[in-house]
Amino acid sequence: VIVSGPIKRSSLDAVTSSAEQFGIPVIYVRSVGF
């Protein structure tokens, strides 16, 4: 699962929690300005 942020922490926490349950890796990426 790749999460392109910034997103709400509640959404990110829900994703990471569900992914942890299934043993699925998650990458959280943020790109802003330089």
PDB file of all heavy atoms in Angstrom:
ATOM      1  N   VAL A   1       0.862  -1.184   0.000  1.00  0.00           N
ATOM      2  CA  VAL A   1       0.000   0.000   0.000  1.00  0.00           C
ATOM      3  C   VAL A   1       0.897   1.232   0.000  1.00  0.00           C
ATOM      4  O   VAL A   1       1.809   1.352   0.829  1.00  0.00           O
ATOM      5  CB  VAL A   1      -0.922   0.037   1.240  1.00  0.00           C
ATOM      6  CG1 VAL A   1      -1.751   1.313   1.243  1.00  0.00           C
ATOM      7  CG2 VAL A   1      -1.825  -1.187   1.267  1.00  0.00           C
ATOM      8  N   ILE A   2       0.658   2.128  -0.949  1.00  0.00           N
ATOM      9  CA  ILE A   2       1.394   3.391  -1.028  1.00  0.00           C
ATOM     10  C   ILE A   2       0.425   4.519  -0.718  1.00  0.00           C
ATOM     11  O   ILE A   2      -0.618   4.638  -1.372  1.00  0.00           O
ATOM     12  CB  ILE A   2       2.005   3.604  -2.422  1.00  0.00           C
ATOM     13  CG1 ILE A   2       2.963   2.453  -2.759  1.00  0.00           C
ATOM     14  CG2 ILE A   2       2.735   4.939  -2.506  1.00  0.00           C
ATOM     15  CD1 ILE A   2       3.424   2.448  -4.200  1.00  0.00           C
ATOM     16  N   VAL A   3       0.730   5.322   0.281  1.00  0.00           N
ATOM     17  CA  VAL A   3      -0.107   6.453   0.676  1.00  0.00           C
ATOM     18  C   VAL A   3       0.614   7.726   0.290  1.00  0.00           C
ATOM     19  O   VAL A   3       1.732   7.988   0.743  1.00  0.00           O
ATOM     20  CB  VAL A   3      -0.402   6.444   2.184  1.00  0.00           C
ATOM     21  CG1 VAL A   3      -1.327   7.602   2.551  1.00  0.00           C
ATOM     22  CG2 VAL A   3      -1.018   5.112   2.610  1.00  0.00           C
ATOM     23  N   SER A   4      -0.010   8.526  -0.577  1.00  0.00           N
ATOM     24  CA  SER A   4       0.581   9.787  -1.004  1.00  0.00           C
ATOM     25  C   SER A   4      -0.071  10.919  -0.216  1.00  0.00           C
ATOM     26  O   SER A   4      -1.241  11.235  -0.411  1.00  0.00           O
ATOM     27  CB  SER A   4       0.370   9.978  -2.514  1.00  0.00           C
ATOM     28  OG  SER A   4       1.033  11.127  -2.978  1.00  0.00           O
ATOM     29  N   GLY A   5       0.688  11.504   0.705  1.00  0.00           N
ATOM     30  CA  GLY A   5       0.132  12.503   1.595  1.00  0.00           C
ATOM     31  C   GLY A   5       0.438  13.918   1.140  1.00  0.00           C
ATOM     32  O   GLY A   5       0.964  14.131   0.053  1.00  0.00           O
ATOM     33  N   PRO A   6       0.110  14.901   1.981  1.00  0.00           N
ATOM     34  CA  PRO A   6      -0.415  14.705   3.337  1.00  0.00           C
ATOM     35  C   PRO A   6      -1.900  14.333   3.338  1.00  0.00           C
ATOM     36  O   PRO A   6      -2.658  14.827   2.507  1.00  0.00           O
ATOM     37  CB  PRO A   6      -0.202  16.077   3.994  1.00  0.00           C
ATOM     38  CG  PRO A   6      -0.222  17.043   2.849  1.00  0.00           C
ATOM     39  CD  PRO A   6       0.358  16.325   1.686  1.00  0.00           C
ATOM     40  N   ILE A   7      -2.254  13.427   4.238  1.00  0.00           N
ATOM     41  CA  ILE A   7      -3.655  13.072   4.448  1.00  0.00           C
ATOM     42  C   ILE A   7      -3.936  13.140   5.939  1.00  0.00           C
ATOM     43  O   ILE A   7      -3.016  13.279   6.748  1.00  0.00           O
ATOM     44  CB  ILE A   7      -3.989  11.672   3.904  1.00  0.00           C
ATOM     45  CG1 ILE A   7      -3.293  10.577   4.749  1.00  0.00           C
ATOM     46  CG2 ILE A   7      -3.609  11.537   2.447  1.00  0.00           C
ATOM     47  CD1 ILE A   7      -3.755   9.185   4.402  1.00  0.00           C
ATOM     48  N   LYS A   8      -5.192  13.038   6.278  1.00  0.00           N
ATOM     49  CA  LYS A   8      -5.565  13.097   7.690  1.00  0.00           C
ATOM     50  C   LYS A   8      -4.969  11.910   8.442  1.00  0.00           C
ATOM     51  O   LYS A   8      -4.919  10.797   7.934  1.00  0.00           O
ATOM     52  CB  LYS A   8      -7.087  13.099   7.840  1.00  0.00           C
ATOM     53  CG  LYS A   8      -7.715  14.442   7.516  1.00  0.00           C
ATOM     54  CD  LYS A   8      -9.141  14.501   8.046  1.00  0.00           C
ATOM     55  CE  LYS A   8      -9.685  15.903   7.969  1.00  0.00           C
ATOM     56  NZ  LYS A   8     -11.016  16.020   8.570  1.00  0.00           N
ATOM     57  N   ARG A   9      -4.512  12.174   9.655  1.00  0.00           N
ATOM     58  CA  ARG A   9      -3.914  11.129  10.461  1.00  0.00           C
ATOM     59  C   ARG A   9      -4.901  10.000  10.735  1.00  0.00           C
ATOM     60  O   ARG A   9      -4.512   8.835  10.825  1.00  0.00           O
ATOM     61  CB  ARG A   9      -3.407  11.710  11.786  1.00  0.00           C
ATOM     62  CG  ARG A   9      -2.092  12.445  11.660  1.00  0.00           C
ATOM     63  CD  ARG A   9      -0.945  11.493  11.363  1.00  0.00           C
ATOM     64  NE  ARG A   9       0.315  12.198  11.216  1.00  0.00           N
ATOM     65  CZ  ARG A   9       1.491  11.604  11.080  1.00  0.00           C
ATOM     66  NH1 ARG A   9       1.555  10.299  11.053  1.00  0.00           N
ATOM     67  NH2 ARG A   9       2.592  12.305  10.930  1.00  0.00           N
ATOM     68  N   SER A  10      -6.166  10.335  10.868  1.00  0.00           N
ATOM     69  CA  SER A  10      -7.154   9.286  11.119  1.00  0.00           C
ATOM     70  C   SER A  10      -7.211   8.307   9.953  1.00  0.00           C
ATOM     71  O   SER A  10      -7.312   7.084  10.146  1.00  0.00           O
ATOM     72  CB  SER A  10      -8.537   9.904  11.354  1.00  0.00           C
ATOM     73  OG  SER A  10      -8.914  10.720  10.254  1.00  0.00           O
ATOM     74  N   SER A  11      -7.103   8.846   8.725  1.00  0.00           N
ATOM     75  CA  SER A  11      -7.092   7.977   7.546  1.00  0.00           C
ATOM     76  C   SER A  11      -5.808   7.155   7.495  1.00  0.00           C
ATOM     77  O   SER A  11      -5.834   5.947   7.230  1.00  0.00           O
ATOM     78  CB  SER A  11      -7.218   8.807   6.268  1.00  0.00           C
ATOM     79  OG  SER A  11      -8.429   9.523   6.243  1.00  0.00           O
ATOM     80  N   LEU A  12      -4.666   7.805   7.751  1.00  0.00           N
ATOM     81  CA  LEU A  12      -3.389   7.097   7.727  1.00  0.00           C
ATOM     82  C   LEU A  12      -3.356   6.004   8.788  1.00  0.00           C
ATOM     83  O   LEU A  12      -2.918   4.879   8.526  1.00  0.00           O
ATOM     84  CB  LEU A  12      -2.242   8.078   7.940  1.00  0.00           C
ATOM     85  CG  LEU A  12      -0.834   7.473   7.949  1.00  0.00           C
ATOM     86  CD1 LEU A  12      -0.506   6.832   6.606  1.00  0.00           C
ATOM     87  CD2 LEU A  12       0.208   8.527   8.300  1.00  0.00           C
ATOM     88  N   ASP A  13      -3.824   6.325   9.992  1.00  0.00           N
ATOM     89  CA  ASP A  13      -3.825   5.339  11.069  1.00  0.00           C
ATOM     90  C   ASP A  13      -4.719   4.147  10.730  1.00  0.00           C
ATOM     91  O   ASP A  13      -4.382   2.999  11.049  1.00  0.00           O
ATOM     92  CB  ASP A  13      -4.292   5.980  12.381  1.00  0.00           C
ATOM     93  CG  ASP A  13      -3.275   6.971  12.928  1.00  0.00           C
ATOM     94  OD1 ASP A  13      -2.118   6.939  12.478  1.00  0.00           O
ATOM     95  OD2 ASP A  13      -3.647   7.791  13.799  1.00  0.00           O
ATOM     96  N   ALA A  14      -5.853   4.417  10.090  1.00  0.00           N
ATOM     97  CA  ALA A  14      -6.753   3.321   9.711  1.00  0.00           C
ATOM     98  C   ALA A  14      -6.089   2.410   8.691  1.00  0.00           C
ATOM     99  O   ALA A  14      -6.202   1.182   8.754  1.00  0.00           O
ATOM    100  CB  ALA A  14      -8.057   3.887   9.144  1.00  0.00           C
ATOM    101  N   VAL A  15      -5.356   3.005   7.736  1.00  0.00           N
ATOM    102  CA  VAL A  15      -4.671   2.217   6.713  1.00  0.00           C
ATOM    103  C   VAL A  15      -3.555   1.384   7.335  1.00  0.00           C
ATOM    104  O   VAL A  15      -3.442   0.178   7.087  1.00  0.00           O
ATOM    105  CB  VAL A  15      -4.095   3.139   5.617  1.00  0.00           C
ATOM    106  CG1 VAL A  15      -3.185   2.349   4.670  1.00  0.00           C
ATOM    107  CG2 VAL A  15      -5.214   3.803   4.835  1.00  0.00           C
ATOM    108  N   THR A  16      -2.707   2.020   8.138  1.00  0.00           N
ATOM    109  CA  THR A  16      -1.567   1.299   8.712  1.00  0.00           C
ATOM    110  C   THR A  16      -2.014   0.202   9.660  1.00  0.00           C
ATOM    111  O   THR A  16      -1.406  -0.864   9.721  1.00  0.00           O
ATOM    112  CB  THR A  16      -0.628   2.272   9.441  1.00  0.00           C
ATOM    113  OG1 THR A  16      -1.361   3.013  10.432  1.00  0.00           O
ATOM    114  CG2 THR A  16      -0.002   3.254   8.460  1.00  0.00           C
ATOM    115  N   SER A  17      -3.103   0.454  10.392  1.00  0.00           N
ATOM    116  CA  SER A  17      -3.612  -0.555  11.314  1.00  0.00           C
ATOM    117  C   SER A  17      -4.148  -1.771  10.559  1.00  0.00           C
ATOM    118  O   SER A  17      -3.867  -2.922  10.917  1.00  0.00           O
ATOM    119  CB  SER A  17      -4.711   0.046  12.195  1.00  0.00           C
ATOM    120  OG  SER A  17      -5.268  -0.928  13.048  1.00  0.00           O
ATOM    121  N   SER A  18      -4.921  -1.509   9.509  1.00  0.00           N
ATOM    122  CA  SER A  18      -5.468  -2.606   8.717  1.00  0.00           C
ATOM    123  C   SER A  18      -4.357  -3.364   8.002  1.00  0.00           C
ATOM    124  O   SER A  18      -4.369  -4.600   7.945  1.00  0.00           O
ATOM    125  CB  SER A  18      -6.480  -2.066   7.701  1.00  0.00           C
ATOM    126  OG  SER A  18      -7.068  -3.105   6.954  1.00  0.00           O
ATOM    127  N   ALA A  19      -3.382  -2.638   7.472  1.00  0.00           N
ATOM    128  CA  ALA A  19      -2.268  -3.290   6.778  1.00  0.00           C
ATOM    129  C   ALA A  19      -1.440  -4.132   7.742  1.00  0.00           C
ATOM    130  O   ALA A  19      -0.977  -5.226   7.394  1.00  0.00           O
ATOM    131  CB  ALA A  19      -1.386  -2.238   6.108  1.00  0.00           C
ATOM    132  N   GLU A  20      -1.241  -3.635   8.953  1.00  0.00           N
ATOM    133  CA  GLU A  20      -0.492  -4.388   9.956  1.00  0.00           C
ATOM    134  C   GLU A  20      -1.184  -5.709  10.268  1.00  0.00           C
ATOM    135  O   GLU A  20      -0.540  -6.752  10.443  1.00  0.00           O
ATOM    136  CB  GLU A  20      -0.326  -3.552  11.226  1.00  0.00           C
ATOM    137  CG  GLU A  20       0.489  -4.239  12.313  1.00  0.00           C
ATOM    138  CD  GLU A  20       0.524  -3.444  13.598  1.00  0.00           C
ATOM    139  OE1 GLU A  20      -0.342  -2.558  13.797  1.00  0.00           O
ATOM    140  OE2 GLU A  20       1.411  -3.713  14.424  1.00  0.00           O
ATOM    141  N   GLN A  21      -2.502  -5.670  10.309  1.00  0.00           N
ATOM    142  CA  GLN A  21      -3.288  -6.882  10.605  1.00  0.00           C
ATOM    143  C   GLN A  21      -3.034  -7.967   9.555  1.00  0.00           C
ATOM    144  O   GLN A  21      -2.943  -9.160   9.883  1.00  0.00           O
ATOM    145  CB  GLN A  21      -4.775  -6.531  10.651  1.00  0.00           C
ATOM    146  CG  GLN A  21      -5.684  -7.720  10.872  1.00  0.00           C
ATOM    147  CD  GLN A  21      -7.153  -7.328  10.784  1.00  0.00           C
ATOM    148  OE1 GLN A  21      -7.485  -6.142  10.741  1.00  0.00           O
ATOM    149  NE2 GLN A  21      -8.024  -8.316  10.739  1.00  0.00           N
ATOM    150  N   PHE A  22      -2.912  -7.562   8.285  1.00  0.00           N
ATOM    151  CA  PHE A  22      -2.714  -8.524   7.201  1.00  0.00           C
ATOM    152  C   PHE A  22      -1.234  -8.734   6.864  1.00  0.00           C
ATOM    153  O   PHE A  22      -0.911  -9.512   5.965  1.00  0.00           O
ATOM    154  CB  PHE A  22      -3.440  -8.057   5.937  1.00  0.00           C
ATOM    155  CG  PHE A  22      -4.935  -8.112   6.028  1.00  0.00           C
ATOM    156  CD1 PHE A  22      -5.693  -6.952   6.038  1.00  0.00           C
ATOM    157  CD2 PHE A  22      -5.597  -9.330   6.114  1.00  0.00           C
ATOM    158  CE1 PHE A  22      -7.068  -6.995   6.113  1.00  0.00           C
ATOM    159  CE2 PHE A  22      -6.981  -9.393   6.196  1.00  0.00           C
ATOM    160  CZ  PHE A  22      -7.728  -8.224   6.197  1.00  0.00           C
ATOM    161  N   GLY A  23      -0.338  -8.042   7.562  1.00  0.00           N
ATOM    162  CA  GLY A  23       1.085  -8.169   7.267  1.00  0.00           C
ATOM    163  C   GLY A  23       1.466  -7.551   5.936  1.00  0.00           C
ATOM    164  O   GLY A  23       2.363  -8.039   5.243  1.00  0.00           O
ATOM    165  N   ILE A  24       0.794  -6.454   5.554  1.00  0.00           N
ATOM    166  CA  ILE A  24       1.039  -5.797   4.272  1.00  0.00           C
ATOM    167  C   ILE A  24       1.929  -4.578   4.489  1.00  0.00           C
ATOM    168  O   ILE A  24       1.613  -3.713   5.310  1.00  0.00           O
ATOM    169  CB  ILE A  24      -0.287  -5.360   3.612  1.00  0.00           C
ATOM    170  CG1 ILE A  24      -1.203  -6.568   3.400  1.00  0.00           C
ATOM    171  CG2 ILE A  24      -0.028  -4.646   2.292  1.00  0.00           C
ATOM    172  CD1 ILE A  24      -2.604  -6.193   2.953  1.00  0.00           C
ATOM    173  N   PRO A  25       3.031  -4.451   3.758  1.00  0.00           N
ATOM    174  CA  PRO A  25       3.886  -3.267   3.892  1.00  0.00           C
ATOM    175  C   PRO A  25       3.170  -1.996   3.426  1.00  0.00           C
ATOM    176  O   PRO A  25       2.319  -2.036   2.529  1.00  0.00           O
ATOM    177  CB  PRO A  25       5.079  -3.583   2.986  1.00  0.00           C
ATOM    178  CG  PRO A  25       5.071  -5.076   2.842  1.00  0.00           C
ATOM    179  CD  PRO A  25       3.624  -5.463   2.879  1.00  0.00           C
ATOM    180  N   VAL A  26       3.532  -0.870   4.029  1.00  0.00           N
ATOM    181  CA  VAL A  26       2.961   0.436   3.684  1.00  0.00           C
ATOM    182  C   VAL A  26       4.094   1.432   3.486  1.00  0.00           C
ATOM    183  O   VAL A  26       5.061   1.446   4.260  1.00  0.00           O
ATOM    184  CB  VAL A  26       2.017   0.956   4.794  1.00  0.00           C
ATOM    185  CG1 VAL A  26       1.472   2.340   4.424  1.00  0.00           C
ATOM    186  CG2 VAL A  26       0.877  -0.017   5.032  1.00  0.00           C
ATOM    187  N   ILE A  27       3.992   2.259   2.441  1.00  0.00           N
ATOM    188  CA  ILE A  27       4.923   3.369   2.248  1.00  0.00           C
ATOM    189  C   ILE A  27       4.123   4.666   2.292  1.00  0.00           C
ATOM    190  O   ILE A  27       3.150   4.819   1.557  1.00  0.00           O
ATOM    191  CB  ILE A  27       5.672   3.276   0.902  1.00  0.00           C
ATOM    192  CG1 ILE A  27       6.490   1.989   0.833  1.00  0.00           C
ATOM    193  CG2 ILE A  27       6.585   4.484   0.718  1.00  0.00           C
ATOM    194  CD1 ILE A  27       7.228   1.805  -0.481  1.00  0.00           C
ATOM    195  N   TYR A  28       4.510   5.574   3.180  1.00  0.00           N
ATOM    196  CA  TYR A  28       3.856   6.876   3.291  1.00  0.00           C
ATOM    197  C   TYR A  28       4.797   7.926   2.726  1.00  0.00           C
ATOM    198  O   TYR A  28       5.897   8.138   3.256  1.00  0.00           O
ATOM    199  CB  TYR A  28       3.517   7.180   4.751  1.00  0.00           C
ATOM    200  CG  TYR A  28       2.835   8.521   4.968  1.00  0.00           C
ATOM    201  CD1 TYR A  28       1.870   8.979   4.085  1.00  0.00           C
ATOM    202  CD2 TYR A  28       3.159   9.309   6.060  1.00  0.00           C
ATOM    203  CE1 TYR A  28       1.249  10.202   4.280  1.00  0.00           C
ATOM    204  CE2 TYR A  28       2.535  10.526   6.284  1.00  0.00           C
ATOM    205  CZ  TYR A  28       1.579  10.970   5.376  1.00  0.00           C
ATOM    206  OH  TYR A  28       0.955  12.183   5.570  1.00  0.00           O
ATOM    207  N   VAL A  29       4.391   8.575   1.630  1.00  0.00           N
ATOM    208  CA  VAL A  29       5.252   9.534   0.951  1.00  0.00           C
ATOM    209  C   VAL A  29       4.611  10.912   0.951  1.00  0.00           C
ATOM    210  O   VAL A  29       3.409  11.056   0.730  1.00  0.00           O
ATOM    211  CB  VAL A  29       5.569   9.074  -0.495  1.00  0.00           C
ATOM    212  CG1 VAL A  29       4.299   8.813  -1.280  1.00  0.00           C
ATOM    213  CG2 VAL A  29       6.419  10.123  -1.224  1.00  0.00           C
ATOM    214  N   ARG A  30       5.422  11.939   1.228  1.00  0.00           N
ATOM    215  CA  ARG A  30       4.979  13.333   1.192  1.00  0.00           C
ATOM    216  C   ARG A  30       5.975  14.129   0.360  1.00  0.00           C
ATOM    217  O   ARG A  30       7.182  14.027   0.581  1.00  0.00           O
ATOM    218  CB  ARG A  30       4.904  13.911   2.608  1.00  0.00           C
ATOM    219  CG  ARG A  30       3.883  13.237   3.494  1.00  0.00           C
ATOM    220  CD  ARG A  30       4.014  13.651   4.949  1.00  0.00           C
ATOM    221  NE  ARG A  30       5.190  13.095   5.585  1.00  0.00           N
ATOM    222  CZ  ARG A  30       5.398  13.102   6.899  1.00  0.00           C
ATOM    223  NH1 ARG A  30       4.500  13.646   7.707  1.00  0.00           N
ATOM    224  NH2 ARG A  30       6.494  12.589   7.417  1.00  0.00           N
ATOM    225  N   SER A  31       5.470  14.891  -0.574  1.00  0.00           N
ATOM    226  CA  SER A  31       6.320  15.758  -1.403  1.00  0.00           C
ATOM    227  C   SER A  31       5.667  17.127  -1.461  1.00  0.00           C
ATOM    228  O   SER A  31       4.563  17.282  -1.990  1.00  0.00           O
ATOM    229  CB  SER A  31       6.461  15.161  -2.812  1.00  0.00           C
ATOM    230  OG  SER A  31       7.239  16.006  -3.641  1.00  0.00           O
ATOM    231  N   VAL A  32       6.346  18.119  -0.911  1.00  0.00           N
ATOM    232  CA  VAL A  32       5.814  19.480  -0.864  1.00  0.00           C
ATOM    233  C   VAL A  32       6.960  20.436  -1.166  1.00  0.00           C
ATOM    234  O   VAL A  32       8.000  20.407  -0.504  1.00  0.00           O
ATOM    235  CB  VAL A  32       5.203  19.814   0.514  1.00  0.00           C
ATOM    236  CG1 VAL A  32       4.720  21.260   0.539  1.00  0.00           C
ATOM    237  CG2 VAL A  32       4.061  18.864   0.839  1.00  0.00           C
ATOM    238  N   GLY A  33       6.761  21.282  -2.163  1.00  0.00           N
ATOM    239  CA  GLY A  33       7.818  22.216  -2.529  1.00  0.00           C
ATOM    240  C   GLY A  33       9.086  21.478  -2.911  1.00  0.00           C
ATOM    241  O   GLY A  33       9.051  20.491  -3.654  1.00  0.00           O
ATOM    242  N   PHE A  34      10.208  21.948  -2.380  1.00  0.00           N
ATOM    243  CA  PHE A  34      11.495  21.321  -2.701  1.00  0.00           C
ATOM    244  C   PHE A  34      11.869  20.194  -1.737  1.00  0.00           C
ATOM    245  O   PHE A  34      12.983  19.673  -1.825  1.00  0.00           O
ATOM    246  CB  PHE A  34      12.606  22.380  -2.699  1.00  0.00           C
ATOM    247  CG  PHE A  34      12.677  23.177  -3.967  1.00  0.00           C
ATOM    248  CD1 PHE A  34      12.138  24.456  -4.025  1.00  0.00           C
ATOM    249  CD2 PHE A  34      13.265  22.654  -5.103  1.00  0.00           C
ATOM    250  CE1 PHE A  34      12.200  25.198  -5.194  1.00  0.00           C
ATOM    251  CE2 PHE A  34      13.333  23.382  -6.277  1.00  0.00           C
ATOM    252  CZ  PHE A  34      12.792  24.663  -6.331  1.00  0.00           C
TER     253      PHE A  34
END
